[in-house]
PDB file of N, CA and C in Angstrom:
ATOM      1  N   MET A   1     -23.453 -81.518 -71.013  1.00  0.00           N
ATOM      2  CA  MET A   1     -23.116 -81.142 -69.656  1.00  0.00           C
ATOM      3  C   MET A   1     -24.320 -80.506 -68.971  1.00  0.00           C
ATOM      4  N   GLU A   2     -24.997 -79.621 -69.683  1.00  0.00           N
ATOM      5  CA  GLU A   2     -26.157 -78.960 -69.081  1.00  0.00           C
ATOM      6  C   GLU A   2     -27.239 -79.968 -68.740  1.00  0.00           C
ATOM      7  N   ARG A   3     -27.513 -80.854 -69.681  1.00  0.00           N
ATOM      8  CA  ARG A   3     -28.588 -81.835 -69.474  1.00  0.00           C
ATOM      9  C   ARG A   3     -28.277 -82.748 -68.297  1.00  0.00           C
ATOM     10  N   MET A   4     -27.006 -83.108 -68.128  1.00  0.00           N
ATOM     11  CA  MET A   4     -26.602 -83.998 -67.040  1.00  0.00           C
ATOM     12  C   MET A   4     -26.186 -83.222 -65.788  1.00  0.00           C
ATOM     13  N   GLN A   5     -26.269 -81.888 -65.838  1.00  0.00           N
ATOM     14  CA  GLN A   5     -25.912 -81.002 -64.728  1.00  0.00           C
ATOM     15  C   GLN A   5     -24.486 -81.245 -64.228  1.00  0.00           C
ATOM     16  N   VAL A   6     -23.550 -81.250 -65.170  1.00  0.00           N
ATOM     17  CA  VAL A   6     -22.132 -81.417 -64.859  1.00  0.00           C
ATOM     18  C   VAL A   6     -21.452 -80.073 -65.075  1.00  0.00           C
ATOM     19  N   SER A   7     -20.716 -79.619 -64.073  1.00  0.00           N
ATOM     20  CA  SER A   7     -20.050 -78.316 -64.155  1.00  0.00           C
ATOM     21  C   SER A   7     -18.619 -78.470 -64.672  1.00  0.00           C
ATOM     22  N   GLN A   8     -18.050 -77.335 -65.063  1.00  0.00           N
ATOM     23  CA  GLN A   8     -16.646 -77.333 -65.475  1.00  0.00           C
ATOM     24  C   GLN A   8     -15.760 -77.775 -64.314  1.00  0.00           C
ATOM     25  N   TYR A   9     -16.127 -77.392 -63.117  1.00  0.00           N
ATOM     26  CA  TYR A   9     -15.365 -77.788 -61.934  1.00  0.00           C
ATOM     27  C   TYR A   9     -15.318 -79.315 -61.810  1.00  0.00           C
ATOM     28  N   GLN A  10     -16.439 -79.975 -62.062  1.00  0.00           N
ATOM     29  CA  GLN A  10     -16.473 -81.436 -61.988  1.00  0.00           C
ATOM     30  C   GLN A  10     -15.577 -82.050 -63.064  1.00  0.00           C
ATOM     31  N   LEU A  11     -15.537 -81.432 -64.240  1.00  0.00           N
ATOM     32  CA  LEU A  11     -14.649 -81.920 -65.288  1.00  0.00           C
ATOM     33  C   LEU A  11     -13.189 -81.775 -64.877  1.00  0.00           C
ATOM     34  N   LEU A  12     -12.863 -80.633 -64.280  1.00  0.00           N
ATOM     35  CA  LEU A  12     -11.489 -80.422 -63.806  1.00  0.00           C
ATOM     36  C   LEU A  12     -11.109 -81.454 -62.751  1.00  0.00           C
ATOM     37  N   LYS A  13     -12.010 -81.704 -61.810  1.00  0.00           N
ATOM     38  CA  LYS A  13     -11.744 -82.705 -60.775  1.00  0.00           C
ATOM     39  C   LYS A  13     -11.645 -84.108 -61.359  1.00  0.00           C
ATOM     40  N   GLY A  14     -12.317 -84.343 -62.494  1.00  0.00           N
ATOM     41  CA  GLY A  14     -12.313 -85.651 -63.137  1.00  0.00           C
ATOM     42  C   GLY A  14     -11.121 -85.898 -64.045  1.00  0.00           C
ATOM     43  N   GLY A  15     -10.243 -84.893 -64.169  1.00  0.00           N
ATOM     44  CA  GLY A  15      -9.031 -85.095 -64.953  1.00  0.00           C
ATOM     45  C   GLY A  15      -8.978 -84.376 -66.284  1.00  0.00           C
ATOM     46  N   ILE A  16      -9.958 -83.528 -66.561  1.00  0.00           N
ATOM     47  CA  ILE A  16      -9.938 -82.731 -67.778  1.00  0.00           C
ATOM     48  C   ILE A  16      -9.239 -81.417 -67.451  1.00  0.00           C
ATOM     49  N   ASP A  17      -8.160 -81.091 -68.177  1.00  0.00           N
ATOM     50  CA  ASP A  17      -7.410 -79.877 -67.830  1.00  0.00           C
ATOM     51  C   ASP A  17      -7.995 -78.636 -68.520  1.00  0.00           C
ATOM     52  N   ASN A  18      -7.519 -77.467 -68.114  1.00  0.00           N
ATOM     53  CA  ASN A  18      -8.033 -76.196 -68.630  1.00  0.00           C
ATOM     54  C   ASN A  18      -7.848 -76.062 -70.135  1.00  0.00           C
ATOM     55  N   LYS A  19      -6.712 -76.511 -70.645  1.00  0.00           N
ATOM     56  CA  LYS A  19      -6.445 -76.429 -72.080  1.00  0.00           C
ATOM     57  C   LYS A  19      -7.474 -77.248 -72.856  1.00  0.00           C
ATOM     58  N   THR A  20      -7.800 -78.428 -72.356  1.00  0.00           N
ATOM     59  CA  THR A  20      -8.787 -79.284 -73.010  1.00  0.00           C
ATOM     60  C   THR A  20     -10.173 -78.672 -72.930  1.00  0.00           C
ATOM     61  N   LEU A  21     -10.510 -78.085 -71.794  1.00  0.00           N
ATOM     62  CA  LEU A  21     -11.802 -77.396 -71.664  1.00  0.00           C
ATOM     63  C   LEU A  21     -11.916 -76.267 -72.686  1.00  0.00           C
ATOM     64  N   ASP A  22     -10.838 -75.538 -72.878  1.00  0.00           N
ATOM     65  CA  ASP A  22     -10.832 -74.461 -73.861  1.00  0.00           C
ATOM     66  C   ASP A  22     -11.047 -75.021 -75.265  1.00  0.00           C
ATOM     67  N   SER A  23     -10.396 -76.139 -75.569  1.00  0.00           N
ATOM     68  CA  SER A  23     -10.576 -76.786 -76.878  1.00  0.00           C
ATOM     69  C   SER A  23     -12.021 -77.217 -77.075  1.00  0.00           C
ATOM     70  N   LEU A  24     -12.630 -77.768 -76.043  1.00  0.00           N
ATOM     71  CA  LEU A  24     -14.027 -78.197 -76.131  1.00  0.00           C
ATOM     72  C   LEU A  24     -14.945 -77.016 -76.405  1.00  0.00           C
ATOM     73  N   LYS A  25     -14.709 -75.915 -75.711  1.00  0.00           N
ATOM     74  CA  LYS A  25     -15.540 -74.729 -75.888  1.00  0.00           C
ATOM     75  C   LYS A  25     -15.437 -74.176 -77.304  1.00  0.00           C
ATOM     76  N   LYS A  26     -14.250 -74.306 -77.899  1.00  0.00           N
ATOM     77  CA  LYS A  26     -14.010 -73.769 -79.241  1.00  0.00           C
ATOM     78  C   LYS A  26     -14.313 -74.779 -80.338  1.00  0.00           C
ATOM     79  N   GLY A  27     -14.776 -75.969 -79.967  1.00  0.00           N
ATOM     80  CA  GLY A  27     -15.128 -76.979 -80.957  1.00  0.00           C
ATOM     81  C   GLY A  27     -13.933 -77.629 -81.636  1.00  0.00           C
ATOM     82  N   LYS A  28     -12.786 -77.593 -80.972  1.00  0.00           N
ATOM     83  CA  LYS A  28     -11.579 -78.193 -81.546  1.00  0.00           C
ATOM     84  C   LYS A  28     -11.547 -79.694 -81.263  1.00  0.00           C
ATOM     85  N   ASN A  29     -10.592 -80.366 -81.884  1.00  0.00           N
ATOM     86  CA  ASN A  29     -10.440 -81.808 -81.705  1.00  0.00           C
ATOM     87  C   ASN A  29      -9.974 -82.158 -80.297  1.00  0.00           C
ATOM     88  N   ILE A  30     -10.400 -83.336 -79.836  1.00  0.00           N
ATOM     89  CA  ILE A  30      -9.939 -83.873 -78.560  1.00  0.00           C
ATOM     90  C   ILE A  30      -9.465 -85.305 -78.792  1.00  0.00           C
ATOM     91  N   THR A  31      -8.734 -85.836 -77.840  1.00  0.00           N
ATOM     92  CA  THR A  31      -8.236 -87.204 -77.964  1.00  0.00           C
ATOM     93  C   THR A  31      -9.281 -88.202 -77.500  1.00  0.00           C
ATOM     94  N   MET A  32      -9.067 -89.454 -77.844  1.00  0.00           N
ATOM     95  CA  MET A  32      -9.955 -90.517 -77.387  1.00  0.00           C
ATOM     96  C   MET A  32      -9.876 -90.667 -75.869  1.00  0.00           C
ATOM     97  N   VAL A  33      -8.724 -90.406 -75.301  1.00  0.00           N
ATOM     98  CA  VAL A  33      -8.563 -90.468 -73.849  1.00  0.00           C
ATOM     99  C   VAL A  33      -9.471 -89.431 -73.195  1.00  0.00           C
ATOM    100  N   THR A  34      -9.496 -88.233 -73.764  1.00  0.00           N
ATOM    101  CA  THR A  34     -10.371 -87.184 -73.243  1.00  0.00           C
ATOM    102  C   THR A  34     -11.828 -87.566 -73.406  1.00  0.00           C
ATOM    103  N   LEU A  35     -12.176 -88.123 -74.550  1.00  0.00           N
ATOM    104  CA  LEU A  35     -13.551 -88.568 -74.778  1.00  0.00           C
ATOM    105  C   LEU A  35     -13.951 -89.610 -73.743  1.00  0.00           C
ATOM    106  N   GLU A  36     -13.050 -90.519 -73.447  1.00  0.00           N
ATOM    107  CA  GLU A  36     -13.326 -91.539 -72.429  1.00  0.00           C
ATOM    108  C   GLU A  36     -13.550 -90.900 -71.063  1.00  0.00           C
ATOM    109  N   LYS A  37     -12.716 -89.936 -70.703  1.00  0.00           N
ATOM    110  CA  LYS A  37     -12.871 -89.241 -69.416  1.00  0.00           C
ATOM    111  C   LYS A  37     -14.207 -88.510 -69.352  1.00  0.00           C
ATOM    112  N   LEU A  38     -14.546 -87.811 -70.444  1.00  0.00           N
ATOM    113  CA  LEU A  38     -15.818 -87.085 -70.476  1.00  0.00           C
ATOM    114  C   LEU A  38     -16.997 -88.029 -70.276  1.00  0.00           C
ATOM    115  N   CYS A  39     -16.967 -89.146 -70.966  1.00  0.00           N
ATOM    116  CA  CYS A  39     -18.061 -90.111 -70.847  1.00  0.00           C
ATOM    117  C   CYS A  39     -18.159 -90.660 -69.429  1.00  0.00           C
ATOM    118  N   ARG A  40     -17.020 -90.925 -68.825  1.00  0.00           N
ATOM    119  CA  ARG A  40     -17.006 -91.437 -67.445  1.00  0.00           C
ATOM    120  C   ARG A  40     -17.569 -90.399 -66.482  1.00  0.00           C
ATOM    121  N   ILE A  41     -17.160 -89.147 -66.634  1.00  0.00           N
ATOM    122  CA  ILE A  41     -17.598 -88.083 -65.732  1.00  0.00           C
ATOM    123  C   ILE A  41     -19.083 -87.781 -65.918  1.00  0.00           C
ATOM    124  N   ILE A  42     -19.506 -87.661 -67.169  1.00  0.00           N
ATOM    125  CA  ILE A  42     -20.880 -87.285 -67.469  1.00  0.00           C
ATOM    126  C   ILE A  42     -21.845 -88.457 -67.314  1.00  0.00           C
ATOM    127  N   GLY A  43     -21.331 -89.661 -67.498  1.00  0.00           N
ATOM    128  CA  GLY A  43     -22.188 -90.843 -67.393  1.00  0.00           C
ATOM    129  C   GLY A  43     -22.935 -91.116 -68.685  1.00  0.00           C
ATOM    130  N   CYS A  44     -22.197 -91.101 -69.792  1.00  0.00           N
ATOM    131  CA  CYS A  44     -22.816 -91.320 -71.097  1.00  0.00           C
ATOM    132  C   CYS A  44     -21.905 -92.177 -71.960  1.00  0.00           C
ATOM    133  N   THR A  45     -22.307 -92.384 -73.203  1.00  0.00           N
ATOM    134  CA  THR A  45     -21.471 -93.098 -74.169  1.00  0.00           C
ATOM    135  C   THR A  45     -20.990 -92.103 -75.215  1.00  0.00           C
ATOM    136  N   PRO A  46     -19.957 -92.457 -75.984  1.00  0.00           N
ATOM    137  CA  PRO A  46     -19.497 -91.556 -77.049  1.00  0.00           C
ATOM    138  C   PRO A  46     -20.610 -91.184 -78.025  1.00  0.00           C
ATOM    139  N   ASN A  47     -21.529 -92.102 -78.292  1.00  0.00           N
ATOM    140  CA  ASN A  47     -22.628 -91.808 -79.222  1.00  0.00           C
ATOM    141  C   ASN A  47     -23.508 -90.673 -78.718  1.00  0.00           C
ATOM    142  N   ASP A  48     -23.513 -90.443 -77.416  1.00  0.00           N
ATOM    143  CA  ASP A  48     -24.322 -89.375 -76.836  1.00  0.00           C
ATOM    144  C   ASP A  48     -23.725 -87.987 -77.087  1.00  0.00           C
ATOM    145  N   ILE A  49     -22.405 -87.925 -77.311  1.00  0.00           N
ATOM    146  CA  ILE A  49     -21.772 -86.608 -77.417  1.00  0.00           C
ATOM    147  C   ILE A  49     -21.008 -86.352 -78.708  1.00  0.00           C
ATOM    148  N   VAL A  50     -20.801 -87.389 -79.520  1.00  0.00           N
ATOM    149  CA  VAL A  50     -20.057 -87.213 -80.765  1.00  0.00           C
ATOM    150  C   VAL A  50     -21.033 -87.025 -81.916  1.00  0.00           C
ATOM    151  N   GLU A  51     -20.736 -86.054 -82.750  1.00  0.00           N
ATOM    152  CA  GLU A  51     -21.558 -85.786 -83.922  1.00  0.00           C
ATOM    153  C   GLU A  51     -20.663 -85.736 -85.145  1.00  0.00           C
ATOM    154  N   PHE A  52     -20.958 -86.557 -86.137  1.00  0.00           N
ATOM    155  CA  PHE A  52     -20.201 -86.538 -87.386  1.00  0.00           C
ATOM    156  C   PHE A  52     -20.919 -85.653 -88.385  1.00  0.00           C
ATOM    157  N   GLN A  53     -20.131 -84.848 -89.086  1.00  0.00           N
ATOM    158  CA  GLN A  53     -20.728 -83.933 -90.061  1.00  0.00           C
ATOM    159  C   GLN A  53     -20.239 -84.256 -91.441  1.00  0.00           C
TER     160      GLN A  53
END
């Protein structure tokens, strides 16, 4: 988000709700639908933001 200069407000306007934002901040799981929304809003692919450990 920082690199692409996307704010939390833009995520909210793009369809990401507050509960999901909280989950993202805490590193919790998200759905594929949310991942798709994030990629659309930020302008990236899942490979840009997903990290497998």
